Structures are given as structure tokens and as C-alpha cells.
Amino acid sequence: MVSMGARATGAADSARNDSGYTRYANLVGRSLTAVDDNGRRNTLKLIEVAHPESRARAGAAHAPVKGFSLILRGDPGQPIAEGIYRFEGAGPSFEAFMSPILGDGKTYQIVFGSA
């Protein structure tokens, strides 16, 4: 897993370690607002916080992968483009790269951490 450009605003690196994982795991089921550069706002529900410690890095079968990802769900009638957004509603706002996944027009992922 690679960092996708997440920058915490006021929360420094907490989103990149286990305390960041815990912070977001406690927010599953709550809404976050994604704000683009033009000020457009989209509400997304945090549906899962995936912690992939059990997976191994490609090419290094015994090295654990550090980090985690947020899985969010939005309105399928308003798909959101891949890009960097400011997220509000989870304590201090933060900026992160979000991309659509599953091809359903409503599920998105933010990845924190590094391999």
C-alpha cells in the first residue's frame, strides 16, 4: 500500500498510524463531507476502515503492510471524480486523495500509510 497524498490539517500524522486507525474506526457509520477545490460539497458515509496488517507486501512475503484505508459510500446519482479533497466531520479536517472503487459510482477509498 502506498500513501495517496493524505495530509492532516491540525492532526499532523495521526491519520497515518494506529491511533489514526482507531480514530476512524470509531467513526464508522458517520458522515464525512468531501469538499473540492471549487467548494462543492459531497456527503459520504464511512462504511469501513480496513487495516491490512495480515497482508504481505508484494515481493516480501513476511513483511507486514502498514497503514489502513477508509471505504466510503456516496449518492450513486452524484458520482465523485478521483482527486484530492478536504474532508470535514471527523474532528480536524484533512486532505486526502480519494478514488472510486468497485465501479458502482458510489463507493470510494482513501488510503493512509506506506508499504
C-alpha atoms as a PDB file:
ATOM      1  CA  MET A   1       0.000   0.000   0.000  1.00  0.00           C
ATOM      2  CA  VAL A   2       1.310   3.455  -0.778  1.00  0.00           C
ATOM      3  CA  SER A   3       0.472   6.831   0.586  1.00  0.00           C
ATOM      4  CA  MET A   4      -2.048   8.602  -1.561  1.00  0.00           C
ATOM      5  CA  GLY A   5      -1.132  12.128  -0.506  1.00  0.00           C
ATOM      6  CA  ALA A   6      -3.160  12.376   2.666  1.00  0.00           C
ATOM      7  CA  ARG A   7      -2.345  15.464   4.689  1.00  0.00           C
ATOM      8  CA  ALA A   8      -3.854  16.019   8.081  1.00  0.00           C
ATOM      9  CA  THR A   9      -4.786  19.601   8.861  1.00  0.00           C
ATOM     10  CA  GLY A  10      -4.159  20.168  12.565  1.00  0.00           C
ATOM     11  CA  ALA A  11      -3.849  16.453  13.265  1.00  0.00           C
ATOM     12  CA  ALA A  12      -0.273  16.031  11.962  1.00  0.00           C
ATOM     13  CA  ASP A  13       0.466  12.382  11.286  1.00  0.00           C
ATOM     14  CA  SER A  14      -2.234  10.779  13.452  1.00  0.00           C
ATOM     15  CA  ALA A  15      -4.101   9.558  10.383  1.00  0.00           C
ATOM     16  CA  ARG A  16      -1.040   7.565   9.303  1.00  0.00           C
ATOM     17  CA  ASN A  17      -0.612   5.320  12.325  1.00  0.00           C
ATOM     18  CA  ASP A  18      -2.615   3.062  14.616  1.00  0.00           C
ATOM     19  CA  SER A  19      -4.084   5.984  16.559  1.00  0.00           C
ATOM     20  CA  GLY A  20      -5.368   7.274  13.197  1.00  0.00           C
ATOM     21  CA  TYR A  21      -6.872   3.863  12.501  1.00  0.00           C
ATOM     22  CA  THR A  22      -8.625   3.921  15.870  1.00  0.00           C
ATOM     23  CA  ARG A  23      -9.849   7.470  15.272  1.00  0.00           C
ATOM     24  CA  TYR A  24     -11.544   6.467  12.026  1.00  0.00           C
ATOM     25  CA  ALA A  25     -12.705   3.035  13.206  1.00  0.00           C
ATOM     26  CA  ASN A  26     -14.710   4.849  15.876  1.00  0.00           C
ATOM     27  CA  LEU A  27     -16.429   6.895  13.146  1.00  0.00           C
ATOM     28  CA  VAL A  28     -17.772   4.008  11.028  1.00  0.00           C
ATOM     29  CA  GLY A  29     -21.390   4.763  10.169  1.00  0.00           C
ATOM     30  CA  ARG A  30     -20.944   8.533  10.373  1.00  0.00           C
ATOM     31  CA  SER A  31     -20.939  11.031   7.536  1.00  0.00           C
ATOM     32  CA  LEU A  32     -17.954  12.936   6.191  1.00  0.00           C
ATOM     33  CA  THR A  33     -18.123  15.862   3.797  1.00  0.00           C
ATOM     34  CA  ALA A  34     -15.739  15.914   0.826  1.00  0.00           C
ATOM     35  CA  VAL A  35     -15.024  19.463  -0.376  1.00  0.00           C
ATOM     36  CA  ASP A  36     -13.342  20.009  -3.750  1.00  0.00           C
ATOM     37  CA  ASP A  37     -11.210  22.970  -4.865  1.00  0.00           C
ATOM     38  CA  ASN A  38     -14.310  24.788  -6.126  1.00  0.00           C
ATOM     39  CA  GLY A  39     -16.091  24.464  -2.775  1.00  0.00           C
ATOM     40  CA  ARG A  40     -18.532  21.796  -3.970  1.00  0.00           C
ATOM     41  CA  ARG A  41     -19.556  19.555  -1.103  1.00  0.00           C
ATOM     42  CA  ASN A  42     -20.499  15.876  -1.205  1.00  0.00           C
ATOM     43  CA  THR A  43     -21.637  13.868   1.785  1.00  0.00           C
ATOM     44  CA  LEU A  44     -20.196  10.370   2.138  1.00  0.00           C
ATOM     45  CA  LYS A  45     -20.822   7.707   4.763  1.00  0.00           C
ATOM     46  CA  LEU A  46     -17.792   5.952   6.262  1.00  0.00           C
ATOM     47  CA  ILE A  47     -18.694   2.276   5.916  1.00  0.00           C
ATOM     48  CA  GLU A  48     -15.416   0.522   6.714  1.00  0.00           C
ATOM     49  CA  VAL A  49     -11.882   1.067   7.982  1.00  0.00           C
ATOM     50  CA  ALA A  50      -9.662  -1.682   6.589  1.00  0.00           C
ATOM     51  CA  HIS A  51      -6.441  -2.499   8.479  1.00  0.00           C
ATOM     52  CA  PRO A  52      -4.415  -4.812   6.229  1.00  0.00           C
ATOM     53  CA  GLU A  53      -1.714  -5.956   8.692  1.00  0.00           C
ATOM     54  CA  SER A  54      -2.369  -9.561   7.795  1.00  0.00           C
ATOM     55  CA  ARG A  55      -1.446  -8.978   4.144  1.00  0.00           C
ATOM     56  CA  ALA A  56       2.150  -9.148   2.989  1.00  0.00           C
ATOM     57  CA  ARG A  57       3.925  -6.684   0.722  1.00  0.00           C
ATOM     58  CA  ALA A  58       4.417  -7.989  -2.834  1.00  0.00           C
ATOM     59  CA  GLY A  59       7.893  -9.460  -3.165  1.00  0.00           C
ATOM     60  CA  ALA A  60       8.428  -9.677   0.605  1.00  0.00           C
ATOM     61  CA  ALA A  61       6.160 -12.438   1.884  1.00  0.00           C
ATOM     62  CA  HIS A  62       6.965 -11.880   5.563  1.00  0.00           C
ATOM     63  CA  ALA A  63       6.913  -8.076   5.692  1.00  0.00           C
ATOM     64  CA  PRO A  64       3.594  -6.714   7.015  1.00  0.00           C
ATOM     65  CA  VAL A  65       1.889  -3.863   5.191  1.00  0.00           C
ATOM     66  CA  LYS A  66       1.405  -0.812   7.392  1.00  0.00           C
ATOM     67  CA  GLY A  67      -1.459   1.588   7.004  1.00  0.00           C
ATOM     68  CA  PHE A  68      -5.178   1.416   6.507  1.00  0.00           C
ATOM     69  CA  SER A  69      -7.877   2.586   4.163  1.00  0.00           C
ATOM     70  CA  LEU A  70     -11.245   4.265   4.542  1.00  0.00           C
ATOM     71  CA  ILE A  71     -14.127   2.915   2.475  1.00  0.00           C
ATOM     72  CA  LEU A  72     -16.857   5.479   1.888  1.00  0.00           C
ATOM     73  CA  ARG A  73     -20.224   5.371   0.167  1.00  0.00           C
ATOM     74  CA  GLY A  74     -21.934   8.297  -1.551  1.00  0.00           C
ATOM     75  CA  ASP A  75     -25.003   9.017  -3.631  1.00  0.00           C
ATOM     76  CA  PRO A  76     -24.894   6.928  -6.844  1.00  0.00           C
ATOM     77  CA  GLY A  77     -26.706   9.779  -8.613  1.00  0.00           C
ATOM     78  CA  GLN A  78     -23.768  12.111  -7.921  1.00  0.00           C
ATOM     79  CA  PRO A  79     -20.533  10.264  -8.719  1.00  0.00           C
ATOM     80  CA  ILE A  80     -17.382  11.973  -7.464  1.00  0.00           C
ATOM     81  CA  ALA A  81     -14.229  12.181  -9.575  1.00  0.00           C
ATOM     82  CA  GLU A  82     -10.900  10.817  -8.370  1.00  0.00           C
ATOM     83  CA  GLY A  83      -8.848  13.568  -6.757  1.00  0.00           C
ATOM     84  CA  ILE A  84      -7.719  15.397  -3.649  1.00  0.00           C
ATOM     85  CA  TYR A  85     -10.477  16.596  -1.352  1.00  0.00           C
ATOM     86  CA  ARG A  86     -10.709  18.274   2.041  1.00  0.00           C
ATOM     87  CA  PHE A  87     -12.718  16.100   4.428  1.00  0.00           C
ATOM     88  CA  GLU A  88     -14.754  17.542   7.269  1.00  0.00           C
ATOM     89  CA  GLY A  89     -16.813  15.935  10.008  1.00  0.00           C
ATOM     90  CA  ALA A  90     -14.211  13.643  11.592  1.00  0.00           C
ATOM     91  CA  GLY A  91     -12.557  16.032  14.006  1.00  0.00           C
ATOM     92  CA  PRO A  92      -9.854  18.181  12.436  1.00  0.00           C
ATOM     93  CA  SER A  93     -10.299  18.476   8.683  1.00  0.00           C
ATOM     94  CA  PHE A  94      -7.805  16.658   6.483  1.00  0.00           C
ATOM     95  CA  GLU A  95      -6.906  16.480   2.815  1.00  0.00           C
ATOM     96  CA  ALA A  96      -6.612  13.163   1.035  1.00  0.00           C
ATOM     97  CA  PHE A  97      -6.632  11.583  -2.397  1.00  0.00           C
ATOM     98  CA  MET A  98      -9.899   9.690  -2.890  1.00  0.00           C
ATOM     99  CA  SER A  99     -10.653   7.327  -5.735  1.00  0.00           C
ATOM    100  CA  PRO A 100     -13.756   5.450  -6.819  1.00  0.00           C
ATOM    101  CA  ILE A 101     -13.653   1.667  -6.398  1.00  0.00           C
ATOM    102  CA  LEU A 102     -15.925  -1.229  -7.392  1.00  0.00           C
ATOM    103  CA  GLY A 103     -17.193   0.621 -10.488  1.00  0.00           C
ATOM    104  CA  ASP A 104     -20.574   1.227  -8.861  1.00  0.00           C
ATOM    105  CA  GLY A 105     -20.415   5.041  -8.882  1.00  0.00           C
ATOM    106  CA  LYS A 106     -20.940   5.263  -5.142  1.00  0.00           C
ATOM    107  CA  THR A 107     -18.020   3.543  -3.341  1.00  0.00           C
ATOM    108  CA  TYR A 108     -14.714   5.316  -2.714  1.00  0.00           C
ATOM    109  CA  GLN A 109     -11.395   4.644  -0.994  1.00  0.00           C
ATOM    110  CA  ILE A 110      -8.790   6.749   0.820  1.00  0.00           C
ATOM    111  CA  VAL A 111      -5.502   5.008   1.604  1.00  0.00           C
ATOM    112  CA  PHE A 112      -3.258   6.011   4.533  1.00  0.00           C
ATOM    113  CA  GLY A 113       0.190   4.620   5.167  1.00  0.00           C
ATOM    114  CA  SER A 114       3.056   3.105   3.254  1.00  0.00           C
ATOM    115  CA  ALA A 115       4.499  -0.275   2.370  1.00  0.00           C
END
